[in-house]
Amino acid sequence: MEKYKSVFDIIGPVMVGPSSSHTAGAARIGKIARQIFGEQPDQVDIYLYDSFAKTYQGHGTDIALVGGILGMEPDDERLSSSLKLAYEAGVEVCFVPKKEKASHPNTVKLRLKKGKHLLELIGESIGGGMIQVTEVNGFKIRFEIGVPTFLIIHQDVQGVIYCVSEILNDNDMNIGTMTVSRVAKGEQAIMVIEVDDKRGNLVLDKLRDIPNLHQVSFFY
């Protein structure tokens, strides 16, 4: 079985140290949350579990998460100043170390707020700067960075899934996997769609024009 896709999976990411799991992975979790949220939040609550809770200040997990939420990459030289930059931008940040065990030792729950806009996301830094997202707004999901993926939060209304699939098909984007979950009939739902190419940004505006879509994000 092929464990590594490239040499960079072995030697780790280009980053501001000290730890690929605690710094690079944390920055990527923060940035994914920002991409899904779609705007700069006014308030961020950060709940840290297990290893993250014990070492988040010494290993730079705190500055990495906040840097990611501000849109920074793991190798951004501004990462070390992210807490100061967040303060200057009016972003209120609260760190909450938790004693409860999590499914992975490097687990964080982020709660981003701006007015009535709210996002809750749980992410895990699984080593070498790689991450996976396991929950968004209470929906149990699982996807890893590295595969071109759409994440769509929408209303559970007939025709939405068809319209999304039609746009992807019209733009020659083959769907590898699609997972759809909903709270209840007619309530909020979520789609996670993995596709075979990285041109997803070209169709974001078309997808956002579909009625009953609340949030559309694409990453790889």
Protein backbone atom coordinates (compact mmCIF):
# COMPACT_ATOMS: atom_id res chain seq x y z
CA MET A 1 0.00 0.00 0.00
CA GLU A 2 1.32 3.44 -0.91
CA LYS A 3 1.71 5.41 2.30
CA TYR A 4 3.29 8.60 0.96
CA LYS A 5 2.23 10.52 -2.16
CA SER A 6 5.38 12.64 -2.41
CA VAL A 7 8.75 13.29 -0.79
CA PHE A 8 7.13 16.24 1.04
CA ASP A 9 4.96 13.79 2.99
CA ILE A 10 8.20 12.35 4.41
CA ILE A 11 10.32 15.43 5.10
CA GLY A 12 7.36 17.55 6.18
CA PRO A 13 6.00 20.93 5.08
CA VAL A 14 7.77 24.25 4.64
CA MET A 15 6.80 26.08 7.81
CA VAL A 16 7.62 28.34 10.70
CA GLY A 17 8.56 25.86 13.52
CA PRO A 18 8.85 24.26 15.87
CA SER A 19 6.54 21.30 15.14
CA SER A 20 4.80 20.08 11.99
CA SER A 21 1.94 18.60 14.02
CA HIS A 22 1.58 21.42 16.55
CA THR A 23 2.39 24.35 14.26
CA ALA A 24 1.96 23.58 10.54
CA GLY A 25 -1.06 21.33 11.09
CA ALA A 26 -2.62 23.83 13.48
CA ALA A 27 -2.20 26.67 10.96
CA ARG A 28 -3.89 24.57 8.29
CA ILE A 29 -6.83 23.76 10.57
CA GLY A 30 -7.23 27.46 11.30
CA LYS A 31 -7.09 28.37 7.61
CA ILE A 32 -9.65 25.72 6.66
CA ALA A 33 -12.00 27.12 9.31
CA ARG A 34 -11.53 30.62 7.88
CA GLN A 35 -12.20 29.39 4.33
CA ILE A 36 -15.42 27.67 5.38
CA PHE A 37 -16.51 30.65 7.50
CA GLY A 38 -15.93 32.91 4.51
CA GLU A 39 -15.03 36.13 6.35
CA GLN A 40 -12.92 37.40 9.22
CA PRO A 41 -14.65 36.61 12.54
CA ASP A 42 -15.10 39.02 15.42
CA GLN A 43 -14.69 36.30 18.03
CA VAL A 44 -12.87 32.96 18.10
CA ASP A 45 -13.13 30.39 20.89
CA ILE A 46 -10.45 27.71 20.69
CA TYR A 47 -10.94 24.47 22.65
CA LEU A 48 -7.75 22.39 22.87
CA TYR A 49 -7.59 18.69 23.74
CA ASP A 50 -4.96 16.21 24.92
CA SER A 51 -1.47 17.11 23.60
CA PHE A 52 -2.68 20.41 22.17
CA ALA A 53 -4.08 21.40 25.57
CA LYS A 54 -0.81 20.58 27.37
CA THR A 55 1.70 22.19 25.01
CA TYR A 56 -0.18 24.73 22.90
CA GLN A 57 1.83 27.74 24.11
CA GLY A 58 5.28 26.14 24.13
CA HIS A 59 4.89 24.56 20.69
CA GLY A 60 3.28 27.58 19.03
CA THR A 61 -0.11 25.94 18.47
CA ASP A 62 -1.85 29.09 19.69
CA ILE A 63 -0.14 31.45 17.23
CA ALA A 64 -0.51 28.90 14.40
CA LEU A 65 -4.27 28.45 14.87
CA VAL A 66 -4.86 32.19 15.02
CA GLY A 67 -2.55 32.79 12.07
CA GLY A 68 -4.52 30.28 10.03
CA ILE A 69 -7.78 31.96 10.99
CA LEU A 70 -6.29 35.23 9.73
CA GLY A 71 -5.55 33.49 6.42
CA MET A 72 -1.85 32.69 6.88
CA GLU A 73 0.00 29.66 5.53
CA PRO A 74 2.29 27.57 7.83
CA ASP A 75 5.40 29.28 6.40
CA ASP A 76 4.09 32.85 6.77
CA GLU A 77 6.68 35.01 8.54
CA ARG A 78 3.87 36.91 10.30
CA LEU A 79 2.76 33.77 12.13
CA SER A 80 4.71 34.62 15.29
CA SER A 81 2.82 37.94 15.49
CA SER A 82 -0.64 36.50 14.83
CA LEU A 83 -2.04 37.15 18.32
CA LYS A 84 -0.99 40.80 18.10
CA LEU A 85 -2.38 41.10 14.57
CA ALA A 86 -5.68 39.54 15.64
CA TYR A 87 -5.95 42.04 18.51
CA GLU A 88 -5.24 44.94 16.17
CA ALA A 89 -7.89 43.66 13.76
CA GLY A 90 -10.49 43.52 16.52
CA VAL A 91 -10.66 39.72 16.66
CA GLU A 92 -11.30 38.53 20.22
CA VAL A 93 -9.56 35.19 20.88
CA CYS A 94 -10.16 32.88 23.84
CA PHE A 95 -8.15 29.68 24.48
CA VAL A 96 -9.83 26.92 26.51
CA PRO A 97 -7.65 23.89 27.39
CA LYS A 98 -9.93 20.88 28.00
CA LYS A 99 -9.33 17.87 30.24
CA GLU A 100 -11.59 15.55 28.26
CA LYS A 101 -9.98 12.97 25.99
CA ALA A 102 -10.38 13.24 22.23
CA SER A 103 -10.18 10.67 19.45
CA HIS A 104 -6.78 12.08 18.44
CA PRO A 105 -4.16 13.69 20.74
CA ASN A 106 -3.84 16.78 18.51
CA THR A 107 -7.49 17.85 18.42
CA VAL A 108 -8.99 21.33 18.43
CA LYS A 109 -12.52 22.68 18.23
CA LEU A 110 -12.85 26.16 16.74
CA ARG A 111 -15.92 28.34 17.20
CA LEU A 112 -15.92 31.38 14.91
CA LYS A 113 -18.51 34.14 15.31
CA LYS A 114 -19.44 37.33 13.51
CA GLY A 115 -22.83 38.71 14.46
CA LYS A 116 -25.30 35.86 13.90
CA HIS A 117 -22.87 33.99 11.67
CA LEU A 118 -21.45 30.99 13.54
CA LEU A 119 -19.16 28.12 12.56
CA GLU A 120 -18.01 25.22 14.72
CA LEU A 121 -15.30 22.95 13.36
CA ILE A 122 -13.30 20.08 14.86
CA GLY A 123 -9.92 19.31 13.31
CA GLU A 124 -7.06 16.94 13.97
CA SER A 125 -3.37 17.40 13.13
CA ILE A 126 -2.38 13.89 12.14
CA GLY A 127 1.37 14.35 11.57
CA GLY A 128 3.77 15.89 9.07
CA GLY A 129 1.59 18.96 8.73
CA MET A 130 -1.34 16.87 7.46
CA ILE A 131 -4.80 17.44 8.93
CA GLN A 132 -8.30 16.07 8.80
CA VAL A 133 -11.62 17.71 9.61
CA THR A 134 -14.04 15.50 11.53
CA GLU A 135 -16.97 17.78 12.30
CA VAL A 136 -18.57 20.95 10.92
CA ASN A 137 -21.54 22.57 12.66
CA GLY A 138 -22.36 19.32 14.42
CA PHE A 139 -22.18 17.21 11.25
CA LYS A 140 -19.86 14.22 11.58
CA ILE A 141 -17.72 14.28 8.44
CA ARG A 142 -14.18 13.32 7.52
CA PHE A 143 -11.94 14.75 4.86
CA GLU A 144 -8.22 15.35 4.51
CA ILE A 145 -6.38 18.16 2.79
CA GLY A 146 -4.71 17.02 -0.42
CA VAL A 147 -7.80 15.89 -2.33
CA PRO A 148 -9.78 18.59 -4.22
CA THR A 149 -12.94 18.92 -2.10
CA PHE A 150 -16.10 21.03 -2.08
CA LEU A 151 -17.82 21.58 1.26
CA ILE A 152 -21.36 22.94 0.82
CA ILE A 153 -23.73 23.89 3.63
CA HIS A 154 -27.28 24.12 2.31
CA GLN A 155 -30.97 23.77 3.04
CA ASP A 156 -32.40 20.28 2.57
CA VAL A 157 -34.58 21.21 -0.42
CA GLN A 158 -35.37 19.07 -3.44
CA GLY A 159 -33.17 19.85 -6.44
CA VAL A 160 -30.14 21.30 -4.65
CA ILE A 161 -27.97 18.19 -5.05
CA TYR A 162 -29.04 17.90 -8.71
CA CYS A 163 -28.10 21.53 -9.43
CA VAL A 164 -24.67 21.13 -7.80
CA SER A 165 -23.98 17.91 -9.73
CA GLU A 166 -25.13 19.51 -13.00
CA ILE A 167 -22.72 22.45 -12.63
CA LEU A 168 -19.80 20.12 -11.89
CA ASN A 169 -20.72 17.93 -14.86
CA ASP A 170 -21.08 20.91 -17.21
CA ASN A 171 -17.55 21.95 -16.26
CA ASP A 172 -16.08 18.45 -16.78
CA MET A 173 -15.43 17.88 -13.07
CA ASN A 174 -15.75 14.23 -12.22
CA ILE A 175 -17.08 13.43 -8.73
CA GLY A 176 -14.97 10.86 -6.88
CA THR A 177 -17.07 10.65 -3.73
CA MET A 178 -20.07 12.54 -2.37
CA THR A 179 -21.37 12.47 1.21
CA VAL A 180 -24.64 14.20 2.17
CA SER A 181 -25.94 14.59 5.72
CA ARG A 182 -28.87 16.54 7.14
CA VAL A 183 -30.23 17.48 10.54
CA ALA A 184 -33.77 16.51 9.51
CA LYS A 185 -36.03 16.75 6.47
CA GLY A 186 -36.08 20.35 5.27
CA GLU A 187 -33.43 21.49 7.75
CA GLN A 188 -29.76 22.36 7.32
CA ALA A 189 -27.64 19.85 5.40
CA ILE A 190 -24.05 19.46 4.27
CA MET A 191 -22.37 18.04 1.17
CA VAL A 192 -18.74 16.93 1.01
CA ILE A 193 -17.73 16.30 -2.61
CA GLU A 194 -14.32 15.06 -3.71
CA VAL A 195 -13.49 15.73 -7.38
CA ASP A 196 -10.66 14.70 -9.68
CA ASP A 197 -9.11 18.08 -10.50
CA LYS A 198 -8.12 21.33 -8.85
CA ARG A 199 -10.24 23.77 -10.90
CA GLY A 200 -12.96 24.06 -8.30
CA ASN A 201 -12.45 27.79 -7.79
CA LEU A 202 -13.66 28.35 -11.36
CA VAL A 203 -17.20 27.24 -10.49
CA LEU A 204 -17.61 28.73 -7.01
CA ASP A 205 -19.63 31.72 -8.25
CA LYS A 206 -21.94 29.45 -10.25
CA LEU A 207 -22.50 27.22 -7.23
CA ARG A 208 -23.18 30.21 -4.97
CA ASP A 209 -25.96 31.32 -7.34
CA ILE A 210 -27.93 28.14 -6.57
CA PRO A 211 -30.88 28.93 -4.27
CA ASN A 212 -30.80 27.49 -0.73
CA LEU A 213 -26.98 27.24 -0.54
CA HIS A 214 -25.65 28.92 2.62
CA GLN A 215 -21.90 28.38 2.25
CA VAL A 216 -19.66 26.99 -0.48
CA SER A 217 -15.94 26.30 0.01
CA PHE A 218 -13.29 24.55 -2.07
CA PHE A 219 -9.84 23.36 -0.97
CA TYR A 220 -7.12 20.87 -1.89
